Protein backbone atom coordinates (compact mmCIF):
# COMPACT_ATOMS: atom_id res chain seq x y z
CA MET A 1 0.47 0.23 0.04
CA ILE A 2 3.20 2.70 0.89
CA ARG A 3 4.34 1.60 -2.66
CA ARG A 4 0.67 2.88 -4.09
CA MET A 5 0.52 5.40 -2.16
CA MET A 6 3.47 6.82 -3.35
CA LEU A 7 2.50 6.52 -7.51
CA ALA A 8 -0.34 8.52 -6.95
CA ALA A 9 1.78 11.47 -5.03
CA VAL A 10 3.75 11.24 -8.36
CA VAL A 11 0.93 12.50 -10.09
CA VAL A 12 1.00 16.21 -7.70
CA SER A 13 4.61 15.88 -7.02
CA ALA A 14 5.67 16.26 -10.99
CA MET A 15 2.95 18.19 -11.04
CA ALA A 16 4.48 20.96 -9.17
CA VAL A 17 6.85 21.57 -11.21
CA THR A 18 5.77 25.01 -13.54
CA ALA A 19 6.79 23.84 -17.08
CA CYS A 20 7.27 20.69 -18.93
CA THR A 21 11.83 21.02 -20.61
CA PRO A 22 11.39 17.62 -22.98
CA LYS A 23 14.05 15.09 -23.46
CA ALA A 24 16.08 16.68 -25.82
CA GLY A 25 15.29 14.60 -29.54
CA GLY A 26 12.36 13.38 -28.31
CA PRO A 27 8.58 13.00 -27.50
CA PRO A 28 7.22 14.50 -23.92
CA THR A 29 7.77 11.31 -21.72
CA LEU A 30 4.93 10.76 -18.85
CA GLU A 31 6.95 12.85 -16.11
CA ASP A 32 7.13 16.12 -18.97
CA GLU A 33 3.24 15.71 -19.21
CA LEU A 34 2.57 15.44 -15.30
CA ALA A 35 5.01 18.14 -14.84
CA ALA A 36 3.29 19.89 -17.22
CA GLY A 37 -0.01 19.95 -15.96
CA ASN A 38 -0.95 17.82 -19.25
CA LEU A 39 -3.73 14.87 -18.07
CA THR A 40 -5.12 13.91 -20.96
CA ALA A 41 -1.01 13.75 -22.80
CA ALA A 42 -0.37 11.91 -19.56
CA GLU A 43 -3.90 9.85 -19.79
CA GLU A 44 -3.15 8.48 -23.55
CA ILE A 45 0.54 7.39 -22.03
CA LEU A 46 -0.69 5.48 -19.81
CA ASN A 47 -3.63 3.78 -21.82
CA GLU A 48 -0.78 2.90 -23.88
CA ARG A 49 1.21 1.36 -21.51
CA ILE A 50 -1.98 -0.01 -19.96
CA ALA A 51 -2.01 -2.27 -22.93
CA ASN A 52 1.18 -3.17 -23.10
CA ALA A 53 1.74 -4.10 -20.06
CA LYS A 54 4.18 -7.01 -19.87
CA ASP A 55 3.22 -8.33 -16.47
CA ASP A 56 0.38 -7.93 -14.24
CA ALA A 57 2.68 -5.33 -11.86
CA GLU A 58 2.86 -3.28 -14.65
CA PHE A 59 -0.50 -3.37 -14.97
CA LEU A 60 -1.34 -2.35 -11.71
CA ARG A 61 1.47 0.13 -11.61
CA TYR A 62 0.45 1.77 -14.74
CA THR A 63 -3.27 2.10 -14.15
CA PHE A 64 -3.28 2.71 -10.12
CA THR A 65 -1.03 6.03 -11.89
CA ARG A 66 -3.94 6.33 -14.25
CA ASP A 67 -6.88 6.73 -11.43
CA SER A 68 -4.74 9.37 -9.44
CA ILE A 69 -4.99 11.40 -12.07
CA GLN A 70 -8.88 10.86 -11.81
CA LEU A 71 -8.63 12.06 -7.70
CA VAL A 72 -6.35 15.26 -9.33
CA ARG A 73 -9.82 16.57 -11.04
CA ARG A 74 -11.71 15.55 -8.70
CA ASP A 75 -10.63 17.65 -6.04
CA PHE A 76 -9.43 20.38 -8.60
CA ARG A 77 -12.70 21.17 -10.87
CA ARG A 78 -13.94 24.46 -9.54
CA ASP A 79 -12.89 27.80 -11.73
CA SER A 80 -12.54 31.21 -11.12
CA ALA A 81 -16.11 33.03 -11.06
CA SER A 82 -17.55 29.33 -8.25
CA VAL A 83 -14.68 30.17 -6.19
CA VAL A 84 -15.10 33.83 -6.12
CA ASP A 85 -18.74 33.37 -6.62
CA TYR A 86 -18.51 31.76 -3.71
CA ILE A 87 -16.39 34.84 -1.74
CA LYS A 88 -18.80 37.22 -2.89
CA ARG A 89 -22.11 35.42 -0.95
CA TYR A 90 -19.88 37.26 2.70
CA ILE A 91 -17.40 39.29 0.77
CA PRO A 92 -19.87 41.57 -2.41
CA ASP A 93 -16.70 43.82 -2.47
CA VAL A 94 -13.67 41.65 -2.63
CA THR A 95 -11.57 42.74 -5.41
CA ALA A 96 -8.99 41.26 -7.69
CA GLU A 97 -6.43 41.76 -5.43
CA LYS A 98 -7.19 39.96 -3.05
CA ILE A 99 -7.94 36.82 -4.44
CA ALA A 100 -4.24 37.51 -6.10
CA GLU A 101 -2.75 37.28 -2.53
CA TRP A 102 -4.97 34.63 -1.15
CA GLU A 103 -3.91 32.83 -4.41
CA ALA A 104 -0.20 33.48 -3.64
CA SER A 105 -0.31 32.28 -0.26
CA GLY A 106 -2.37 29.10 -0.50
CA VAL A 107 -5.24 30.00 1.07
CA ILE A 108 -7.33 29.17 -2.69
CA GLU A 109 -5.10 26.41 -3.74
CA TYR A 110 -4.99 25.38 -7.72
CA LYS A 111 -2.82 23.70 -10.46
CA ILE A 112 -2.83 24.00 -13.98
CA ILE A 113 -4.65 21.30 -15.96
CA ASP A 114 -4.49 21.10 -19.81
CA GLY A 115 -3.83 24.79 -19.86
CA ARG A 116 -6.33 26.03 -17.31
CA LYS A 117 -6.76 27.42 -13.87
CA CYS A 118 -8.42 24.39 -12.25
CA TYR A 119 -9.60 24.91 -8.25
CA PHE A 120 -10.14 22.65 -5.42
CA ARG A 121 -13.19 21.53 -4.38
CA ASN A 122 -13.67 23.33 -1.69
CA ALA A 123 -11.72 26.92 -2.22
CA GLY A 124 -14.18 29.66 -1.96
CA PRO A 125 -15.10 28.06 1.72
CA ASN A 126 -11.53 27.37 2.97
CA VAL A 127 -10.84 31.24 2.93
CA PHE A 128 -13.16 31.32 5.42
CA ASN A 129 -11.42 28.80 7.12
CA VAL A 130 -8.04 29.97 7.26
CA ASP A 131 -7.48 33.77 6.41
CA PRO A 132 -8.65 35.72 9.98
CA GLU A 133 -10.31 38.71 8.31
CA ALA A 134 -12.57 36.13 5.79
CA ILE A 135 -13.42 34.48 9.28
CA ALA A 136 -14.23 37.65 11.87
CA ILE A 137 -16.65 38.08 8.38
CA LYS A 138 -18.54 35.47 8.32
CA GLN A 139 -18.62 35.19 11.74
CA ALA A 140 -20.42 38.11 12.51
CA ARG A 141 -22.62 37.75 9.74
CA SER A 142 -24.10 34.33 11.51
CA GLY A 143 -24.44 35.78 14.50
CA GLY A 144 -22.49 33.57 16.56
CA GLY A 145 -24.18 31.31 19.42
CA VAL A 146 -23.45 27.77 21.27
CA SER A 147 -23.09 25.26 18.32
CA SER A 148 -24.81 21.66 18.01
CA LEU A 149 -21.40 20.29 18.77
CA ASP A 150 -20.74 22.49 21.76
CA SER A 151 -24.18 22.14 22.90
CA VAL A 152 -22.74 17.97 23.18
CA LEU A 153 -19.41 18.77 24.88
CA LEU A 154 -20.54 20.62 27.13
CA ILE A 155 -22.58 18.02 28.63
CA GLN A 156 -20.23 15.06 27.59
CA ILE A 157 -17.42 16.85 28.72
CA PRO A 158 -17.97 16.84 32.57
CA GLU A 159 -19.15 13.47 32.94
CA ILE A 160 -16.35 11.49 31.12
CA THR A 161 -14.18 13.77 33.79
CA SER A 162 -15.70 13.13 36.89
CA ALA A 163 -14.47 9.57 36.37
CA PRO A 164 -11.43 8.60 37.77
CA SER A 165 -8.93 9.28 35.35
CA GLY A 166 -8.26 6.97 32.52
CA GLN A 167 -11.42 5.48 33.03
CA VAL A 168 -13.81 4.52 30.23
CA THR A 169 -17.40 6.39 31.34
CA ALA A 170 -20.25 8.30 29.70
CA PRO A 171 -21.35 5.08 27.52
CA ARG A 172 -22.79 5.76 24.47
CA ARG A 173 -24.85 2.82 22.52
CA MET A 174 -26.03 3.33 18.72
CA LYS A 175 -27.32 1.59 16.07
CA ILE A 176 -25.41 2.68 12.94
CA ARG A 177 -26.30 2.08 8.81
CA HIS A 178 -24.01 2.23 6.31
CA GLU A 179 -24.20 2.28 2.94
CA ILE A 180 -23.05 1.97 -0.24
CA PHE A 181 -24.44 2.39 -3.59
CA LEU A 182 -23.58 2.64 -6.93
CA LYS A 183 -24.49 5.24 -9.57
CA GLU A 184 -25.65 4.80 -13.43
CA SER A 185 -22.35 5.77 -14.41
CA GLY A 186 -21.80 2.97 -16.70
CA ALA A 187 -18.61 1.77 -14.58
CA VAL A 188 -20.68 -1.62 -13.94
CA VAL A 189 -22.66 -3.44 -16.28
CA PRO A 190 -23.98 -7.53 -15.97
CA GLY A 191 -21.32 -9.88 -15.37
CA ASP A 192 -19.01 -8.07 -13.39
CA THR A 193 -18.21 -9.03 -10.12
CA VAL A 194 -18.63 -5.50 -7.50
CA ARG A 195 -16.03 -5.61 -4.73
CA VAL A 196 -17.37 -3.65 -1.60
CA TRP A 197 -14.97 -2.46 1.92
CA ILE A 198 -17.57 -0.58 4.29
CA PRO A 199 -15.28 0.35 7.98
CA TYR A 200 -16.42 -1.33 10.67
CA PRO A 201 -16.66 -0.92 14.05
CA ARG A 202 -13.42 -2.38 16.12
CA THR A 203 -13.29 -4.74 18.98
CA ASP A 204 -9.66 -4.46 20.39
CA VAL A 205 -10.15 -1.09 21.54
CA GLU A 206 -10.78 -0.27 25.00
CA ARG A 207 -13.03 2.21 24.72
CA GLN A 208 -15.46 0.54 22.45
CA LYS A 209 -17.80 -2.80 23.14
CA ASP A 210 -20.12 -5.29 22.53
CA VAL A 211 -20.33 -4.91 18.93
CA VAL A 212 -22.80 -6.27 16.77
CA MET A 213 -24.01 -6.56 13.73
CA VAL A 214 -27.82 -6.36 13.07
CA GLU A 215 -28.28 -6.68 9.32
CA ALA A 216 -26.10 -6.94 6.45
CA SER A 217 -27.65 -6.73 2.32
CA GLU A 218 -25.69 -9.79 2.20
CA GLU A 219 -23.03 -12.22 3.49
CA TYR A 220 -19.93 -10.69 4.30
CA PHE A 221 -16.30 -11.54 5.81
CA ASN A 222 -14.88 -9.36 8.40
CA ASP A 223 -11.38 -9.95 9.70
CA PRO A 224 -11.62 -8.44 13.31
CA THR A 225 -7.41 -7.98 13.69
CA CYS A 226 -6.72 -6.17 10.28
CA PRO A 227 -5.64 -2.48 11.54
CA GLN A 228 -8.47 -0.95 9.01
CA ASN A 229 -11.28 -3.20 10.06
CA THR A 230 -13.81 -3.60 7.35
CA ILE A 231 -17.10 -5.23 6.60
CA TYR A 232 -16.61 -7.22 2.81
CA PHE A 233 -18.81 -7.76 0.27
CA GLU A 234 -18.96 -9.40 -3.35
CA ARG A 235 -21.79 -9.07 -6.25
CA VAL A 236 -22.11 -10.34 -9.58
CA ILE A 237 -24.36 -8.26 -10.88
CA SER A 238 -26.70 -9.71 -13.12
CA SER A 239 -29.54 -7.46 -13.78
CA ALA A 240 -30.46 -3.92 -13.21
CA GLU A 241 -31.74 -3.96 -10.69
CA ASP A 242 -28.33 -6.47 -8.52
CA ALA A 243 -27.28 -3.19 -9.34
CA ALA A 244 -29.92 -0.54 -8.16
CA ARG A 245 -29.76 -2.81 -4.82
CA PRO A 246 -27.42 -0.78 -2.35
CA PHE A 247 -24.93 -2.53 0.09
CA PHE A 248 -25.50 -1.65 3.70
CA ILE A 249 -24.05 -2.91 7.06
CA GLU A 250 -26.00 -2.10 10.29
CA TYR A 251 -25.16 -2.50 13.46
CA GLU A 252 -24.77 -1.43 16.83
CA TYR A 253 -21.86 -0.94 19.84
CA THR A 254 -21.15 1.53 22.79
CA SER A 255 -18.42 4.02 23.01
CA TYR A 256 -17.07 5.16 25.31
CA GLY A 257 -15.32 8.61 26.92
CA GLN A 258 -12.05 9.01 28.65
CA TRP A 259 -9.64 11.88 29.79
CA PHE A 260 -6.62 11.17 31.50
CA ASP A 261 -6.01 13.77 34.72
CA MET A 262 -2.29 14.55 33.78
CA SER A 263 -1.77 16.37 36.18
CA LYS A 264 -1.66 13.58 39.32
CA ALA A 265 0.07 11.06 36.42
CA ASP A 266 3.40 9.08 37.31
CA ILE A 267 4.66 8.99 34.33
CA LYS A 268 7.94 6.47 33.95
CA PRO A 269 10.90 6.54 31.85
CA TYR A 270 10.27 5.20 28.40
CA ASP A 271 11.86 1.32 27.71
CA THR A 272 13.54 2.90 23.96
CA GLU A 273 14.40 -0.65 24.23
CA SER A 274 10.71 -2.43 24.56
CA GLU A 275 9.22 -3.10 20.88
CA LEU A 276 6.38 -0.53 21.71
CA TYR A 277 8.39 2.29 21.91
CA LYS A 278 11.00 1.35 19.19
CA THR A 279 7.71 0.82 16.28
CA TYR A 280 5.55 4.15 17.51
CA THR A 281 8.84 6.66 17.91
CA ALA A 282 10.17 4.98 14.17
CA GLU A 283 9.98 7.07 10.63
CA ARG A 284 7.31 5.76 7.90
CA PRO A 285 8.18 7.12 4.94
CA PRO A 286 6.19 8.45 3.25
CA GLN A 287 3.63 10.58 5.64
CA ILE A 288 5.95 10.40 9.01
CA VAL A 289 9.44 11.66 8.05
CA PHE A 290 11.77 13.65 10.39
CA SER A 291 13.06 15.97 7.65
CA LYS A 292 15.33 18.89 8.77
CA ARG A 293 12.63 20.76 8.60
CA ILE A 294 10.25 18.54 11.38
CA LYS A 295 13.75 18.48 12.87
CA ASP A 296 14.40 22.11 13.71
CA LEU A 297 10.44 23.13 14.05
CA THR A 298 10.26 19.87 17.43
CA ALA A 299 13.17 21.64 18.35
CA LYS A 300 12.15 24.58 18.55
CA VAL A 301 7.91 23.74 20.02
CA VAL A 302 9.56 21.37 22.60
CA GLY A 303 12.44 23.60 23.42
CA ASP A 304 14.14 22.38 26.92
CA LEU A 305 11.54 20.62 28.08
CA THR A 306 12.10 16.72 29.34
CA ASP A 307 8.90 15.91 31.08
CA PRO A 308 6.58 13.79 27.70
CA TYR A 309 3.31 15.06 28.65
CA GLU A 310 4.81 18.99 28.82
CA LYS A 311 6.46 17.95 25.38
CA LEU A 312 3.46 16.79 24.14
CA CYS A 313 1.10 19.92 25.54
CA ALA A 314 3.95 21.82 23.52
CA ILE A 315 3.40 20.18 20.25
CA PHE A 316 -0.41 20.44 20.97
CA ASP A 317 -0.41 24.25 21.96
CA TYR A 318 1.42 25.04 18.25
CA ILE A 319 -0.35 23.18 15.31
CA THR A 320 -3.84 24.05 17.45
CA ALA A 321 -2.43 28.07 17.23
CA ASN A 322 -0.81 27.47 13.81
CA TYR A 323 -2.99 25.28 11.60
CA PRO A 324 -6.24 26.08 11.00
CA TRP A 325 -9.67 23.35 10.65
CA ALA A 326 -9.14 23.49 6.37
CA SER A 327 -11.84 21.06 4.05
CA ALA A 328 -9.20 18.58 2.93
CA LEU A 329 -7.08 17.65 -0.57
CA ASN A 330 -7.75 13.74 -1.09
CA TYR A 331 -5.06 12.65 1.07
CA SER A 332 -3.81 10.16 -1.79
CA ILE A 333 -2.92 12.77 -3.86
CA ILE A 334 -0.56 14.39 -1.00
CA PRO A 335 3.43 13.53 -1.30
CA CYS A 336 3.61 13.89 2.41
CA ILE A 337 0.81 15.38 4.11
CA PRO A 338 2.53 17.09 7.65
CA GLU A 339 4.44 19.16 4.83
CA TYR A 340 1.52 19.68 2.88
CA VAL A 341 0.25 21.30 6.32
CA LEU A 342 3.47 23.60 6.92
CA ASP A 343 3.21 24.55 3.35
CA ASN A 344 0.06 24.97 2.97
CA HIS A 345 -0.54 26.54 6.93
CA LYS A 346 -4.07 24.92 7.30
CA GLY A 347 -5.47 21.26 7.80
CA ASP A 348 -8.44 18.87 8.45
CA CYS A 349 -8.84 16.50 11.10
CA GLY A 350 -6.56 13.45 9.35
CA GLN A 351 -3.76 15.69 8.93
CA VAL A 352 -3.03 18.03 11.80
CA THR A 353 -3.18 14.20 13.38
CA LEU A 354 -0.32 13.12 11.11
CA LEU A 355 1.59 16.07 11.57
CA MET A 356 1.15 15.95 15.98
CA ILE A 357 2.16 11.87 15.53
CA THR A 358 5.21 12.73 13.43
CA MET A 359 6.45 16.05 15.77
CA ALA A 360 5.61 13.52 18.76
CA ARG A 361 7.60 10.68 17.66
CA CYS A 362 10.24 13.24 16.43
CA ALA A 363 10.61 14.49 19.99
CA GLY A 364 10.76 10.72 21.08
CA ILE A 365 7.24 10.76 22.26
CA PRO A 366 5.15 7.15 21.23
CA ALA A 367 2.31 8.15 18.93
CA ARG A 368 -0.16 5.98 16.69
CA TRP A 369 -2.95 7.07 14.46
CA GLN A 370 -6.98 6.45 15.50
CA SER A 371 -9.85 6.98 12.64
CA GLY A 372 -13.29 6.26 11.95
CA LEU A 373 -16.36 7.88 11.96
CA MET A 374 -18.27 10.45 14.74
CA PHE A 375 -21.85 10.33 15.64
CA HIS A 376 -22.37 13.22 17.92
CA PRO A 377 -26.12 14.34 17.68
CA ARG A 378 -26.55 16.44 14.69
CA ASN A 379 -22.81 16.39 14.03
CA THR A 380 -22.60 13.24 11.57
CA ASN A 381 -18.91 13.43 10.02
CA MET A 382 -15.81 11.32 9.02
CA HIS A 383 -12.72 11.62 11.85
CA ASP A 384 -9.14 11.35 13.09
CA TRP A 385 -6.72 11.42 15.73
CA GLY A 386 -4.91 9.95 17.32
CA GLU A 387 -2.94 8.01 20.85
CA VAL A 388 0.22 8.78 22.67
CA TYR A 389 1.90 6.11 24.93
CA TYR A 390 3.29 7.49 28.65
CA GLU A 391 4.84 4.64 29.77
CA GLY A 392 3.26 3.93 33.79
CA VAL A 393 -0.04 5.66 31.59
CA GLY A 394 -0.91 3.07 28.58
CA TRP A 395 -2.01 4.86 25.79
CA VAL A 396 -3.74 8.38 25.43
CA PRO A 397 -6.44 9.60 23.74
CA VAL A 398 -5.37 13.04 21.59
CA ASP A 399 -8.11 15.04 19.34
CA THR A 400 -5.27 18.06 17.49
CA SER A 401 -8.75 19.18 15.78
CA PHE A 402 -11.67 18.95 18.46
CA GLY A 403 -12.59 22.13 20.42
CA ARG A 404 -9.85 24.49 19.09
CA HIS A 405 -9.86 28.11 20.25
CA ASN A 406 -13.12 27.06 22.06
CA ASP A 407 -14.87 29.72 24.56
CA VAL A 408 -17.40 27.77 25.12
CA LEU A 409 -15.54 24.84 26.66
CA ASP A 410 -13.79 26.85 29.15
CA GLU A 411 -17.31 26.41 30.89
CA THR A 412 -16.53 22.45 31.26
CA GLY A 413 -13.16 23.89 34.08
CA VAL A 414 -10.54 21.78 31.23
CA GLY A 415 -11.50 23.90 27.74
CA GLU A 416 -9.75 22.77 24.98
CA LYS A 417 -7.76 20.93 27.04
CA PHE A 418 -9.20 17.88 27.26
CA PHE A 419 -8.35 16.96 23.82
CA ASN A 420 -4.77 17.07 25.12
CA SER A 421 -5.81 13.91 26.76
CA GLY A 422 -9.60 12.57 26.74
CA ILE A 423 -12.07 11.73 24.09
CA ASP A 424 -15.56 12.46 24.38
CA SER A 425 -17.81 8.82 23.21
CA TYR A 426 -19.60 9.56 19.67
CA ARG A 427 -17.04 7.60 17.52
CA MET A 428 -16.60 4.72 16.01
CA ILE A 429 -13.09 3.39 15.77
CA ALA A 430 -12.39 1.52 12.67
CA ASN A 431 -9.00 2.02 11.38
CA SER A 432 -5.87 1.86 14.14
CA ASP A 433 -2.82 2.56 11.52
CA TYR A 434 -3.28 4.61 8.52
CA SER A 435 -2.45 3.47 4.13
CA ARG A 436 -2.73 -0.68 5.84
CA ASP A 437 -4.41 -3.41 2.99
CA PHE A 438 -7.66 -4.26 3.70
CA SER A 439 -8.34 -7.83 4.49
CA PRO A 440 -9.42 -9.31 1.56
CA SER A 441 -6.96 -6.56 -0.32
CA LYS A 442 -7.81 -4.31 -3.12
CA ARG A 443 -6.35 -5.39 -6.85
CA TYR A 444 -7.01 -2.24 -7.66
CA GLY A 445 -6.31 1.49 -6.22
CA ARG A 446 -8.61 3.46 -3.61
CA ASN A 447 -10.42 6.34 -3.37
CA ASP A 448 -8.33 7.26 -0.04
CA THR A 449 -5.28 4.98 0.74
CA VAL A 450 -4.43 6.61 4.00
CA ASP A 451 -7.85 6.28 5.77
CA SER A 452 -11.03 4.14 5.57
CA GLN A 453 -13.78 5.84 6.45
CA CYS A 454 -16.41 5.69 2.90
CA GLY A 455 -16.44 2.81 1.97
CA GLU A 456 -14.10 1.21 -1.54
CA VAL A 457 -15.30 -0.37 -4.39
CA GLU A 458 -13.81 -1.84 -7.48
CA THR A 459 -15.14 -4.97 -10.05
CA GLN A 460 -12.51 -7.23 -11.35
CA ARG A 461 -12.08 -4.83 -14.15
CA GLY A 462 -10.49 -1.74 -12.17
CA MET A 463 -11.24 1.29 -9.19
CA LEU A 464 -15.10 2.70 -8.96
CA PHE A 465 -14.32 6.59 -8.19
CA ASN A 466 -16.75 7.39 -5.02
CA GLY A 467 -18.85 10.45 -6.48
CA THR A 468 -18.77 9.64 -9.65
CA ASP A 469 -19.34 5.41 -9.86
CA TYR A 470 -21.06 5.11 -5.72
CA GLY A 471 -21.75 6.94 -3.31
CA TYR A 472 -21.87 6.17 0.42
CA ASP A 473 -23.61 7.71 3.56
CA PHE A 474 -24.00 6.59 6.82
CA SER A 475 -26.01 7.63 9.65
CA VAL A 476 -27.33 7.04 13.39
CA LEU A 477 -31.02 5.11 13.30
CA GLU A 478 -30.69 5.27 17.28
CA TYR A 479 -29.96 6.30 20.01
CA LYS A 480 -30.30 4.06 22.96
């Protein structure tokens, strides 16, 4: 999976080059065309290579690169007019000079594709997530008030922090439906075998218990030991009716909150020879890499601190202060996500989590990934967070994007600091790691080579694209 992810990133890395310089005496290469943003020409080269592939490995490699081009196209599909129109909803007199300033700083992301300026699908909304002046304008127009998510956390956090430190508490039992539905895109025809992977709650984590499958659309396979846990379906399509039936699961589970009062924790010195320490303080390219930039930044942020929790707090505070939440590019098309956050001064939950994990490991603190879905009332979504390990305490949840800069949460007595050693009860944990193979493995690429939240689909002929070839929906059927 790491190899495939690196191939996907090649597309975006090459597109970062501003000019194409073909090799002397020959036509432009695939790399030349990608560098120039000539994606249609690159696809033509790839189609020829796929048709003439000498073996299965070469076929899959070129197919995966071609699929990655489609992921780039999907993310960069807006034109200038649509971006400006969105911004004018809140700033009617926005100037061309201001737009150019935002483009130059990366607040507005775009790429040159086939000679046209193509903007990130959420470029307009991201202006009001990242630029302080734009944020203030939008907030003034919205009127403020306590959000529906904050209203849940105002109840949850005191409930969780009243329990003994580290104890799982405040159980919430939920019934969930998650479905995948095929679209009439022509990607699936009678005779195809459709393979589907839908995320499913882990049974090996302390904060998640009593997982029960209530109903499934058909027979399924599940390997609960897989780091990215899924329910796997396989259906031979014999008719339009077969294609129209959704793949779905309905399950119940109980989720728990947890908070560690680190002011009273007795943190021991790390056993630096243990397998746990070596594994979770190691680099793991292409995402967790101790580049000179990461090393220098971590040293600056941590300074002379020696206590692991104090180091983590410094990293947590630095990230939450400097990298506001913003809608993310598809992770598969980012060469190195932590470096992307540093370059673009923003990041969504998974992006800042990977930066936190990288900096924590660089500082000698074991850290790992966790992700899945969030099912807070009226706030269902995908979500990522992490865990850090303290000797003598254990694994402690850290959510680098939740509750940040929120004065409302100060009413709980803990505030946003709750999330540097705690987590609420409305999570579904499907993944204990990132960029791991499914069980059974996919043959073709994934819409997201890092995370697993929406669900993935392919046929015997190739990968299907989320949003074009299939859609998904997940929701809480019942809070018990």
